[in-house]
Amino acid sequence: MHETEHHSVTKASDKIKVIGGLIDDSNLLKFYAYDASDYFSGSWEAFKTRMFQVALPLTGEWSCANKSTN
């Protein structure tokens, strides 16, 4: 994703729509296409949390594996 300023966008649904136009990763685009509308009536934080879970799904497993090899 590209860095962006979104200070003037206050509604969660508007923020989600703005971010959708900036996504260039295929996994995130798939998530956005199929799931973003489920978050339009919810909070920005819930959408952002889920988006990061999709973007970084193996972080916890990698972290545990990395610790065991040291």
PDB file of N, CA and C in Angstrom:
ATOM      1  N   MET A   1       0.838  -1.174   0.000  1.00  0.00           N
ATOM      2  CA  MET A   1       0.000   0.000   0.000  1.00  0.00           C
ATOM      3  C   MET A   1       0.881   1.235   0.000  1.00  0.00           C
ATOM      4  N   HIS A   2       0.305   2.299  -0.434  1.00  0.00           N
ATOM      5  CA  HIS A   2       1.023   3.558  -0.483  1.00  0.00           C
ATOM      6  C   HIS A   2       0.712   4.366   0.765  1.00  0.00           C
ATOM      7  N   GLU A   3       1.707   5.111   1.229  1.00  0.00           N
ATOM      8  CA  GLU A   3       1.486   5.971   2.386  1.00  0.00           C
ATOM      9  C   GLU A   3       0.530   7.085   1.988  1.00  0.00           C
ATOM     10  N   THR A   4      -0.381   7.410   2.867  1.00  0.00           N
ATOM     11  CA  THR A   4      -1.364   8.437   2.547  1.00  0.00           C
ATOM     12  C   THR A   4      -1.763   9.210   3.795  1.00  0.00           C
ATOM     13  N   GLU A   5      -2.207  10.413   3.598  1.00  0.00           N
ATOM     14  CA  GLU A   5      -2.774  11.228   4.666  1.00  0.00           C
ATOM     15  C   GLU A   5      -4.284  11.082   4.577  1.00  0.00           C
ATOM     16  N   HIS A   6      -4.934  10.792   5.680  1.00  0.00           N
ATOM     17  CA  HIS A   6      -6.386  10.686   5.661  1.00  0.00           C
ATOM     18  C   HIS A   6      -7.017  11.444   6.821  1.00  0.00           C
ATOM     19  N   HIS A   7      -6.377  12.513   7.227  1.00  0.00           N
ATOM     20  CA  HIS A   7      -6.854  13.274   8.378  1.00  0.00           C
ATOM     21  C   HIS A   7      -8.219  13.911   8.133  1.00  0.00           C
ATOM     22  N   SER A   8      -8.524  14.306   6.906  1.00  0.00           N
ATOM     23  CA  SER A   8      -9.798  14.964   6.644  1.00  0.00           C
ATOM     24  C   SER A   8     -10.936  13.967   6.428  1.00  0.00           C
ATOM     25  N   VAL A   9     -10.628  12.696   6.310  1.00  0.00           N
ATOM     26  CA  VAL A   9     -11.655  11.672   6.149  1.00  0.00           C
ATOM     27  C   VAL A   9     -11.991  11.142   7.537  1.00  0.00           C
ATOM     28  N   THR A  10     -13.240  11.313   7.946  1.00  0.00           N
ATOM     29  CA  THR A  10     -13.597  10.944   9.313  1.00  0.00           C
ATOM     30  C   THR A  10     -14.512   9.726   9.413  1.00  0.00           C
ATOM     31  N   LYS A  11     -15.378   9.506   8.432  1.00  0.00           N
ATOM     32  CA  LYS A  11     -16.284   8.353   8.482  1.00  0.00           C
ATOM     33  C   LYS A  11     -15.517   7.074   8.152  1.00  0.00           C
ATOM     34  N   ALA A  12     -15.749   6.028   8.932  1.00  0.00           N
ATOM     35  CA  ALA A  12     -15.062   4.751   8.721  1.00  0.00           C
ATOM     36  C   ALA A  12     -15.298   4.224   7.311  1.00  0.00           C
ATOM     37  N   SER A  13     -16.518   4.285   6.830  1.00  0.00           N
ATOM     38  CA  SER A  13     -16.806   3.754   5.494  1.00  0.00           C
ATOM     39  C   SER A  13     -16.052   4.524   4.415  1.00  0.00           C
ATOM     40  N   ASP A  14     -15.886   5.835   4.596  1.00  0.00           N
ATOM     41  CA  ASP A  14     -15.127   6.630   3.631  1.00  0.00           C
ATOM     42  C   ASP A  14     -13.645   6.274   3.665  1.00  0.00           C
ATOM     43  N   LYS A  15     -13.095   6.064   4.855  1.00  0.00           N
ATOM     44  CA  LYS A  15     -11.691   5.662   4.974  1.00  0.00           C
ATOM     45  C   LYS A  15     -11.457   4.333   4.268  1.00  0.00           C
ATOM     46  N   ILE A  16     -12.382   3.398   4.460  1.00  0.00           N
ATOM     47  CA  ILE A  16     -12.257   2.079   3.837  1.00  0.00           C
ATOM     48  C   ILE A  16     -12.289   2.217   2.321  1.00  0.00           C
ATOM     49  N   LYS A  17     -13.155   3.070   1.806  1.00  0.00           N
ATOM     50  CA  LYS A  17     -13.238   3.280   0.358  1.00  0.00           C
ATOM     51  C   LYS A  17     -11.969   3.929  -0.181  1.00  0.00           C
ATOM     52  N   VAL A  18     -11.407   4.886   0.539  1.00  0.00           N
ATOM     53  CA  VAL A  18     -10.163   5.539   0.114  1.00  0.00           C
ATOM     54  C   VAL A  18      -9.028   4.523   0.066  1.00  0.00           C
ATOM     55  N   ILE A  19      -8.894   3.723   1.109  1.00  0.00           N
ATOM     56  CA  ILE A  19      -7.836   2.716   1.162  1.00  0.00           C
ATOM     57  C   ILE A  19      -7.983   1.724   0.019  1.00  0.00           C
ATOM     58  N   GLY A  20      -9.215   1.356  -0.311  1.00  0.00           N
ATOM     59  CA  GLY A  20      -9.449   0.417  -1.409  1.00  0.00           C
ATOM     60  C   GLY A  20      -8.849   0.881  -2.720  1.00  0.00           C
ATOM     61  N   GLY A  21      -8.834   2.177  -2.942  1.00  0.00           N
ATOM     62  CA  GLY A  21      -8.248   2.722  -4.158  1.00  0.00           C
ATOM     63  C   GLY A  21      -6.734   2.750  -4.150  1.00  0.00           C
ATOM     64  N   LEU A  22      -6.127   2.504  -3.001  1.00  0.00           N
ATOM     65  CA  LEU A  22      -4.672   2.569  -2.882  1.00  0.00           C
ATOM     66  C   LEU A  22      -4.007   1.195  -2.800  1.00  0.00           C
ATOM     67  N   ILE A  23      -4.789   0.150  -2.648  1.00  0.00           N
ATOM     68  CA  ILE A  23      -4.238  -1.199  -2.488  1.00  0.00           C
ATOM     69  C   ILE A  23      -3.705  -1.699  -3.822  1.00  0.00           C
ATOM     70  N   ASP A  24      -2.475  -2.237  -3.796  1.00  0.00           N
ATOM     71  CA  ASP A  24      -1.925  -2.822  -5.016  1.00  0.00           C
ATOM     72  C   ASP A  24      -1.427  -4.253  -4.816  1.00  0.00           C
ATOM     73  N   ASP A  25      -1.662  -4.824  -3.656  1.00  0.00           N
ATOM     74  CA  ASP A  25      -1.284  -6.207  -3.369  1.00  0.00           C
ATOM     75  C   ASP A  25      -2.463  -7.120  -3.709  1.00  0.00           C
ATOM     76  N   SER A  26      -2.209  -8.218  -4.431  1.00  0.00           N
ATOM     77  CA  SER A  26      -3.308  -9.066  -4.895  1.00  0.00           C
ATOM     78  C   SER A  26      -4.097  -9.704  -3.755  1.00  0.00           C
ATOM     79  N   ASN A  27      -3.439 -10.119  -2.676  1.00  0.00           N
ATOM     80  CA  ASN A  27      -4.168 -10.710  -1.551  1.00  0.00           C
ATOM     81  C   ASN A  27      -5.065  -9.683  -0.875  1.00  0.00           C
ATOM     82  N   LEU A  28      -4.559  -8.475  -0.718  1.00  0.00           N
ATOM     83  CA  LEU A  28      -5.376  -7.428  -0.100  1.00  0.00           C
ATOM     84  C   LEU A  28      -6.507  -6.989  -1.021  1.00  0.00           C
ATOM     85  N   LEU A  29      -6.251  -6.982  -2.328  1.00  0.00           N
ATOM     86  CA  LEU A  29      -7.318  -6.645  -3.269  1.00  0.00           C
ATOM     87  C   LEU A  29      -8.445  -7.671  -3.199  1.00  0.00           C
ATOM     88  N   LYS A  30      -8.085  -8.937  -3.079  1.00  0.00           N
ATOM     89  CA  LYS A  30      -9.097  -9.991  -2.960  1.00  0.00           C
ATOM     90  C   LYS A  30      -9.907  -9.792  -1.674  1.00  0.00           C
ATOM     91  N   PHE A  31      -9.215  -9.549  -0.563  1.00  0.00           N
ATOM     92  CA  PHE A  31      -9.900  -9.272   0.703  1.00  0.00           C
ATOM     93  C   PHE A  31     -10.838  -8.080   0.544  1.00  0.00           C
ATOM     94  N   TYR A  32     -10.338  -7.007  -0.056  1.00  0.00           N
ATOM     95  CA  TYR A  32     -11.143  -5.803  -0.214  1.00  0.00           C
ATOM     96  C   TYR A  32     -12.371  -6.077  -1.081  1.00  0.00           C
ATOM     97  N   ALA A  33     -12.171  -6.779  -2.188  1.00  0.00           N
ATOM     98  CA  ALA A  33     -13.270  -7.044  -3.111  1.00  0.00           C
ATOM     99  C   ALA A  33     -14.392  -7.854  -2.469  1.00  0.00           C
ATOM    100  N   TYR A  34     -14.021  -8.831  -1.654  1.00  0.00           N
ATOM    101  CA  TYR A  34     -15.023  -9.733  -1.095  1.00  0.00           C
ATOM    102  C   TYR A  34     -15.519  -9.349   0.295  1.00  0.00           C
ATOM    103  N   ASP A  35     -14.727  -8.633   1.080  1.00  0.00           N
ATOM    104  CA  ASP A  35     -15.079  -8.424   2.484  1.00  0.00           C
ATOM    105  C   ASP A  35     -15.236  -6.974   2.931  1.00  0.00           C
ATOM    106  N   ALA A  36     -14.728  -6.023   2.186  1.00  0.00           N
ATOM    107  CA  ALA A  36     -14.729  -4.633   2.657  1.00  0.00           C
ATOM    108  C   ALA A  36     -16.131  -4.116   2.959  1.00  0.00           C
ATOM    109  N   SER A  37     -17.096  -4.460   2.134  1.00  0.00           N
ATOM    110  CA  SER A  37     -18.450  -3.935   2.350  1.00  0.00           C
ATOM    111  C   SER A  37     -19.041  -4.390   3.685  1.00  0.00           C
ATOM    112  N   ASP A  38     -18.554  -5.508   4.219  1.00  0.00           N
ATOM    113  CA  ASP A  38     -19.013  -5.967   5.532  1.00  0.00           C
ATOM    114  C   ASP A  38     -18.605  -5.002   6.643  1.00  0.00           C
ATOM    115  N   TYR A  39     -17.592  -4.183   6.390  1.00  0.00           N
ATOM    116  CA  TYR A  39     -17.059  -3.274   7.408  1.00  0.00           C
ATOM    117  C   TYR A  39     -17.568  -1.844   7.253  1.00  0.00           C
ATOM    118  N   PHE A  40     -18.308  -1.535   6.190  1.00  0.00           N
ATOM    119  CA  PHE A  40     -18.774  -0.168   5.956  1.00  0.00           C
ATOM    120  C   PHE A  40     -19.606   0.376   7.109  1.00  0.00           C
ATOM    121  N   SER A  41     -20.371  -0.466   7.761  1.00  0.00           N
ATOM    122  CA  SER A  41     -21.198   0.018   8.869  1.00  0.00           C
ATOM    123  C   SER A  41     -20.504  -0.154  10.217  1.00  0.00           C
ATOM    124  N   GLY A  42     -19.288  -0.680  10.196  1.00  0.00           N
ATOM    125  CA  GLY A  42     -18.546  -0.901  11.431  1.00  0.00           C
ATOM    126  C   GLY A  42     -17.496   0.162  11.671  1.00  0.00           C
ATOM    127  N   SER A  43     -16.497  -0.217  12.435  1.00  0.00           N
ATOM    128  CA  SER A  43     -15.453   0.746  12.799  1.00  0.00           C
ATOM    129  C   SER A  43     -14.235   0.624  11.889  1.00  0.00           C
ATOM    130  N   TRP A  44     -13.513   1.729  11.789  1.00  0.00           N
ATOM    131  CA  TRP A  44     -12.264   1.755  11.046  1.00  0.00           C
ATOM    132  C   TRP A  44     -11.269   0.790  11.679  1.00  0.00           C
ATOM    133  N   GLU A  45     -11.219   0.752  13.005  1.00  0.00           N
ATOM    134  CA  GLU A  45     -10.280  -0.120  13.720  1.00  0.00           C
ATOM    135  C   GLU A  45     -10.517  -1.590  13.392  1.00  0.00           C
ATOM    136  N   ALA A  46     -11.770  -2.009  13.325  1.00  0.00           N
ATOM    137  CA  ALA A  46     -12.080  -3.407  12.999  1.00  0.00           C
ATOM    138  C   ALA A  46     -11.604  -3.745  11.591  1.00  0.00           C
ATOM    139  N   PHE A  47     -11.852  -2.844  10.639  1.00  0.00           N
ATOM    140  CA  PHE A  47     -11.397  -3.069   9.265  1.00  0.00           C
ATOM    141  C   PHE A  47      -9.878  -3.114   9.201  1.00  0.00           C
ATOM    142  N   LYS A  48      -9.234  -2.153   9.844  1.00  0.00           N
ATOM    143  CA  LYS A  48      -7.774  -2.068   9.818  1.00  0.00           C
ATOM    144  C   LYS A  48      -7.145  -3.313  10.438  1.00  0.00           C
ATOM    145  N   THR A  49      -7.691  -3.777  11.546  1.00  0.00           N
ATOM    146  CA  THR A  49      -7.177  -4.983  12.198  1.00  0.00           C
ATOM    147  C   THR A  49      -7.284  -6.180  11.271  1.00  0.00           C
ATOM    148  N   ARG A  50      -8.443  -6.347  10.636  1.00  0.00           N
ATOM    149  CA  ARG A  50      -8.632  -7.490   9.734  1.00  0.00           C
ATOM    150  C   ARG A  50      -7.732  -7.376   8.508  1.00  0.00           C
ATOM    151  N   MET A  51      -7.557  -6.167   7.992  1.00  0.00           N
ATOM    152  CA  MET A  51      -6.705  -5.971   6.829  1.00  0.00           C
ATOM    153  C   MET A  51      -5.265  -6.377   7.150  1.00  0.00           C
ATOM    154  N   PHE A  52      -4.780  -6.026   8.331  1.00  0.00           N
ATOM    155  CA  PHE A  52      -3.428  -6.417   8.717  1.00  0.00           C
ATOM    156  C   PHE A  52      -3.321  -7.915   8.958  1.00  0.00           C
ATOM    157  N   GLN A  53      -4.380  -8.547   9.445  1.00  0.00           N
ATOM    158  CA  GLN A  53      -4.369 -10.002   9.599  1.00  0.00           C
ATOM    159  C   GLN A  53      -4.253 -10.681   8.244  1.00  0.00           C
ATOM    160  N   VAL A  54      -4.918 -10.145   7.251  1.00  0.00           N
ATOM    161  CA  VAL A  54      -4.837 -10.695   5.897  1.00  0.00           C
ATOM    162  C   VAL A  54      -3.455 -10.431   5.306  1.00  0.00           C
ATOM    163  N   ALA A  55      -2.926  -9.241   5.535  1.00  0.00           N
ATOM    164  CA  ALA A  55      -1.634  -8.862   4.957  1.00  0.00           C
ATOM    165  C   ALA A  55      -0.469  -9.609   5.588  1.00  0.00           C
ATOM    166  N   LEU A  56      -0.575  -9.929   6.870  1.00  0.00           N
ATOM    167  CA  LEU A  56       0.526 -10.553   7.602  1.00  0.00           C
ATOM    168  C   LEU A  56       0.070 -11.836   8.297  1.00  0.00           C
ATOM    169  N   PRO A  57      -0.435 -12.818   7.550  1.00  0.00           N
ATOM    170  CA  PRO A  57      -1.047 -13.988   8.188  1.00  0.00           C
ATOM    171  C   PRO A  57      -0.079 -14.904   8.923  1.00  0.00           C
ATOM    172  N   LEU A  58       1.177 -14.934   8.559  1.00  0.00           N
ATOM    173  CA  LEU A  58       2.114 -15.886   9.151  1.00  0.00           C
ATOM    174  C   LEU A  58       3.070 -15.252  10.146  1.00  0.00           C
ATOM    175  N   THR A  59       2.847 -14.033  10.538  1.00  0.00           N
ATOM    176  CA  THR A  59       3.765 -13.333  11.424  1.00  0.00           C
ATOM    177  C   THR A  59       4.014 -14.106  12.710  1.00  0.00           C
ATOM    178  N   GLY A  60       2.980 -14.581  13.362  1.00  0.00           N
ATOM    179  CA  GLY A  60       3.135 -15.314  14.616  1.00  0.00           C
ATOM    180  C   GLY A  60       3.898 -16.610  14.436  1.00  0.00           C
ATOM    181  N   GLU A  61       3.584 -17.382  13.391  1.00  0.00           N
ATOM    182  CA  GLU A  61       4.277 -18.639  13.136  1.00  0.00           C
ATOM    183  C   GLU A  61       5.744 -18.393  12.810  1.00  0.00           C
ATOM    184  N   TRP A  62       6.026 -17.372  11.989  1.00  0.00           N
ATOM    185  CA  TRP A  62       7.400 -17.078  11.630  1.00  0.00           C
ATOM    186  C   TRP A  62       8.182 -16.672  12.862  1.00  0.00           C
ATOM    187  N   SER A  63       7.572 -15.879  13.703  1.00  0.00           N
ATOM    188  CA  SER A  63       8.237 -15.409  14.909  1.00  0.00           C
ATOM    189  C   SER A  63       8.604 -16.578  15.820  1.00  0.00           C
ATOM    190  N   CYS A  64       7.703 -17.539  15.994  1.00  0.00           N
ATOM    191  CA  CYS A  64       7.976 -18.710  16.838  1.00  0.00           C
ATOM    192  C   CYS A  64       9.066 -19.579  16.223  1.00  0.00           C
ATOM    193  N   ALA A  65       9.010 -19.779  14.920  1.00  0.00           N
ATOM    194  CA  ALA A  65      10.016 -20.596  14.238  1.00  0.00           C
ATOM    195  C   ALA A  65      11.381 -19.932  14.312  1.00  0.00           C
ATOM    196  N   ASN A  66      11.407 -18.625  14.186  1.00  0.00           N
ATOM    197  CA  ASN A  66      12.658 -17.887  14.235  1.00  0.00           C
ATOM    198  C   ASN A  66      13.299 -18.005  15.614  1.00  0.00           C
ATOM    199  N   LYS A  67      12.514 -17.953  16.672  1.00  0.00           N
ATOM    200  CA  LYS A  67      13.048 -18.053  18.026  1.00  0.00           C
ATOM    201  C   LYS A  67      13.632 -19.437  18.291  1.00  0.00           C
ATOM    202  N   SER A  68      13.031 -20.482  17.740  1.00  0.00           N
ATOM    203  CA  SER A  68      13.506 -21.836  18.013  1.00  0.00           C
ATOM    204  C   SER A  68      14.802 -22.159  17.280  1.00  0.00           C
ATOM    205  N   THR A  69      15.160 -21.384  16.249  1.00  0.00           N
ATOM    206  CA  THR A  69      16.393 -21.645  15.521  1.00  0.00           C
ATOM    207  C   THR A  69      17.573 -20.885  16.091  1.00  0.00           C
ATOM    208  N   ASN A  70      17.344 -19.973  17.017  1.00  0.00           N
ATOM    209  CA  ASN A  70      18.442 -19.180  17.603  1.00  0.00           C
ATOM    210  C   ASN A  70      19.075 -19.882  18.764  1.00  0.00           C
TER     211      ASN A  70
END
